[in-house]
Each structure stands twice: as C-alpha cells, then as structure tokens.
Amino acid sequence: MALCENKNLLFSAGLDGTIHFFDVKDGFKKLEPMEKVHNGEIRCLVCRKDGEYLISGGKDQNIHIIDRERKEISETWKLAHDSKQTFSIKRES
C-alpha cells in the first residue's frame, strides 16, 4: 500500500499485478484500477510526495514509473535477476 496524503489517495497492490486506487477524503471510495501493471504480484509500491507518480516493483523483475493521473507506465527498468525490492523516495535539500 502507498498513501499520498496531499492528494487524499491510497493505492493497493494486488497479487494479480493490478494497482487499486481509493479516494480516502470521504471514506474509501474505490476508483478505477490500473490492471496488469505487472505480470504477477506487485512486491512494493510507493507514491511520490506530490502524488503525480507511483513506483512499483513486481515479481516479474520490472520496476515501473507510473503517471498516476494518466494511469500509464512512463518508464520501466528491468532487473538482471530475481531480487527483493524496497523503495524509498528521498527529497533533495
């Protein structure tokens, strides 16, 4: 799961490669999901602080940069081998 507080959005990663979108401002209103982002389970998901992009890592060894508003993958990195993925977005000072 990833939370973008300033956009009032919650994202949930599915075992089937789908990212589910929720509006948490007035409860948990389910929005249109982004299906088949990965081929198989999504292992990690993080939202950039401004809420414009998501980064997801999947069992398929792909890391995707996702334009949240357009619900499109804007960039993909392929890992050389199967590994565990953890993401952190660091704010530059």
C-alpha atoms as a PDB file:
ATOM      1  CA  MET A   1       0.000   0.000   0.000  1.00  0.00           C
ATOM      2  CA  ALA A   2       1.001   3.574  -0.618  1.00  0.00           C
ATOM      3  CA  LEU A   3      -0.644   6.733   0.682  1.00  0.00           C
ATOM      4  CA  CYS A   4      -0.435  10.169  -0.968  1.00  0.00           C
ATOM      5  CA  GLU A   5      -1.751  12.378   1.805  1.00  0.00           C
ATOM      6  CA  ASN A   6      -1.796  15.650  -0.123  1.00  0.00           C
ATOM      7  CA  LYS A   7      -3.926  14.022  -2.865  1.00  0.00           C
ATOM      8  CA  ASN A   8      -6.103  12.026  -0.422  1.00  0.00           C
ATOM      9  CA  LEU A   9      -5.325   8.866  -2.367  1.00  0.00           C
ATOM     10  CA  LEU A  10      -4.499   5.338  -1.247  1.00  0.00           C
ATOM     11  CA  PHE A  11      -3.040   2.732  -3.577  1.00  0.00           C
ATOM     12  CA  SER A  12      -3.139  -1.003  -3.023  1.00  0.00           C
ATOM     13  CA  ALA A  13      -1.050  -3.531  -4.946  1.00  0.00           C
ATOM     14  CA  GLY A  14      -2.597  -6.826  -5.979  1.00  0.00           C
ATOM     15  CA  LEU A  15      -1.251 -10.325  -6.399  1.00  0.00           C
ATOM     16  CA  ASP A  16      -2.535 -10.241  -9.979  1.00  0.00           C
ATOM     17  CA  GLY A  17      -0.443  -7.178 -10.945  1.00  0.00           C
ATOM     18  CA  THR A  18      -3.285  -4.685 -10.538  1.00  0.00           C
ATOM     19  CA  ILE A  19      -2.999  -1.369  -8.667  1.00  0.00           C
ATOM     20  CA  HIS A  20      -6.233  -0.342  -6.944  1.00  0.00           C
ATOM     21  CA  PHE A  21      -6.957   3.355  -6.373  1.00  0.00           C
ATOM     22  CA  PHE A  22      -9.024   4.724  -3.464  1.00  0.00           C
ATOM     23  CA  ASP A  23     -10.135   8.241  -2.567  1.00  0.00           C
ATOM     24  CA  VAL A  24      -9.790   8.457   1.234  1.00  0.00           C
ATOM     25  CA  LYS A  25     -11.074  12.004   1.676  1.00  0.00           C
ATOM     26  CA  ASP A  26     -14.686  10.940   2.213  1.00  0.00           C
ATOM     27  CA  GLY A  27     -14.269   7.311   3.238  1.00  0.00           C
ATOM     28  CA  PHE A  28     -12.774   4.694   0.962  1.00  0.00           C
ATOM     29  CA  LYS A  29     -14.318   5.391  -2.436  1.00  0.00           C
ATOM     30  CA  LYS A  30     -12.899   2.858  -4.902  1.00  0.00           C
ATOM     31  CA  LEU A  31     -11.718   4.424  -8.159  1.00  0.00           C
ATOM     32  CA  GLU A  32     -10.914   2.797 -11.492  1.00  0.00           C
ATOM     33  CA  PRO A  33      -7.949   0.383 -11.061  1.00  0.00           C
ATOM     34  CA  MET A  34      -4.904   0.096 -13.288  1.00  0.00           C
ATOM     35  CA  GLU A  35      -4.908  -3.545 -14.367  1.00  0.00           C
ATOM     36  CA  LYS A  36      -1.971  -5.766 -15.301  1.00  0.00           C
ATOM     37  CA  VAL A  37       0.751  -3.301 -14.387  1.00  0.00           C
ATOM     38  CA  HIS A  38       2.972  -6.329 -13.707  1.00  0.00           C
ATOM     39  CA  ASN A  39       2.913  -9.925 -14.849  1.00  0.00           C
ATOM     40  CA  GLY A  40       2.169 -11.425 -11.432  1.00  0.00           C
ATOM     41  CA  GLU A  41       2.333  -9.984  -7.948  1.00  0.00           C
ATOM     42  CA  ILE A  42       3.424  -6.472  -7.082  1.00  0.00           C
ATOM     43  CA  ARG A  43       6.017  -6.609  -4.313  1.00  0.00           C
ATOM     44  CA  CYS A  44       6.331  -2.921  -3.468  1.00  0.00           C
ATOM     45  CA  LEU A  45       4.597   0.336  -4.198  1.00  0.00           C
ATOM     46  CA  VAL A  46       5.467   3.915  -3.283  1.00  0.00           C
ATOM     47  CA  CYS A  47       3.945   7.282  -4.162  1.00  0.00           C
ATOM     48  CA  ARG A  48       5.962  10.415  -4.824  1.00  0.00           C
ATOM     49  CA  LYS A  49       5.071  13.079  -2.259  1.00  0.00           C
ATOM     50  CA  ASP A  50       3.298  15.307  -4.773  1.00  0.00           C
ATOM     51  CA  GLY A  51       1.170  12.338  -5.845  1.00  0.00           C
ATOM     52  CA  GLU A  52       1.993  12.641  -9.532  1.00  0.00           C
ATOM     53  CA  TYR A  53       3.925   9.363  -9.870  1.00  0.00           C
ATOM     54  CA  LEU A  54       3.893   5.872  -8.403  1.00  0.00           C
ATOM     55  CA  ILE A  55       6.822   3.463  -8.448  1.00  0.00           C
ATOM     56  CA  SER A  56       6.044  -0.236  -8.424  1.00  0.00           C
ATOM     57  CA  GLY A  57       8.242  -3.317  -8.302  1.00  0.00           C
ATOM     58  CA  GLY A  58       6.974  -6.723  -9.311  1.00  0.00           C
ATOM     59  CA  LYS A  59       7.855 -10.378  -9.174  1.00  0.00           C
ATOM     60  CA  ASP A  60       8.282 -10.078 -12.960  1.00  0.00           C
ATOM     61  CA  GLN A  61      11.557  -8.218 -12.183  1.00  0.00           C
ATOM     62  CA  ASN A  62      10.271  -4.922 -13.593  1.00  0.00           C
ATOM     63  CA  ILE A  63      10.273  -1.555 -11.868  1.00  0.00           C
ATOM     64  CA  HIS A  64       7.706   0.842 -13.323  1.00  0.00           C
ATOM     65  CA  ILE A  65       7.383   4.605 -13.014  1.00  0.00           C
ATOM     66  CA  ILE A  66       3.647   5.274 -13.376  1.00  0.00           C
ATOM     67  CA  ASP A  67       1.961   8.549 -14.262  1.00  0.00           C
ATOM     68  CA  ARG A  68      -0.873   8.438 -11.727  1.00  0.00           C
ATOM     69  CA  GLU A  69      -3.256  10.795 -13.500  1.00  0.00           C
ATOM     70  CA  ARG A  70      -2.960   9.195 -16.936  1.00  0.00           C
ATOM     71  CA  LYS A  71      -2.620   5.680 -15.432  1.00  0.00           C
ATOM     72  CA  GLU A  72       0.210   4.928 -17.836  1.00  0.00           C
ATOM     73  CA  ILE A  73       3.661   3.451 -17.353  1.00  0.00           C
ATOM     74  CA  SER A  74       6.081   6.216 -18.275  1.00  0.00           C
ATOM     75  CA  GLU A  75       9.315   4.265 -17.713  1.00  0.00           C
ATOM     76  CA  THR A  76      10.377   0.679 -16.996  1.00  0.00           C
ATOM     77  CA  TRP A  77      13.598  -0.760 -15.608  1.00  0.00           C
ATOM     78  CA  LYS A  78      14.301  -4.477 -15.894  1.00  0.00           C
ATOM     79  CA  LEU A  79      16.264  -6.128 -13.083  1.00  0.00           C
ATOM     80  CA  ALA A  80      19.031  -8.545 -14.062  1.00  0.00           C
ATOM     81  CA  HIS A  81      17.968 -11.216 -11.561  1.00  0.00           C
ATOM     82  CA  ASP A  82      15.140 -12.074  -9.184  1.00  0.00           C
ATOM     83  CA  SER A  83      15.534  -9.985  -6.063  1.00  0.00           C
ATOM     84  CA  LYS A  84      13.544  -8.413  -3.266  1.00  0.00           C
ATOM     85  CA  GLN A  85      12.656  -4.793  -3.900  1.00  0.00           C
ATOM     86  CA  THR A  86      12.303  -1.940  -1.452  1.00  0.00           C
ATOM     87  CA  PHE A  87      11.782   1.679  -2.460  1.00  0.00           C
ATOM     88  CA  SER A  88      12.268   4.984  -0.769  1.00  0.00           C
ATOM     89  CA  ILE A  89      11.910   8.412  -2.327  1.00  0.00           C
ATOM     90  CA  LYS A  90      14.439  10.861  -0.961  1.00  0.00           C
ATOM     91  CA  ARG A  91      13.810  14.560  -1.028  1.00  0.00           C
ATOM     92  CA  GLU A  92      16.877  16.519  -2.093  1.00  0.00           C
ATOM     93  CA  SER A  93      17.812  19.501   0.063  1.00  0.00           C
END
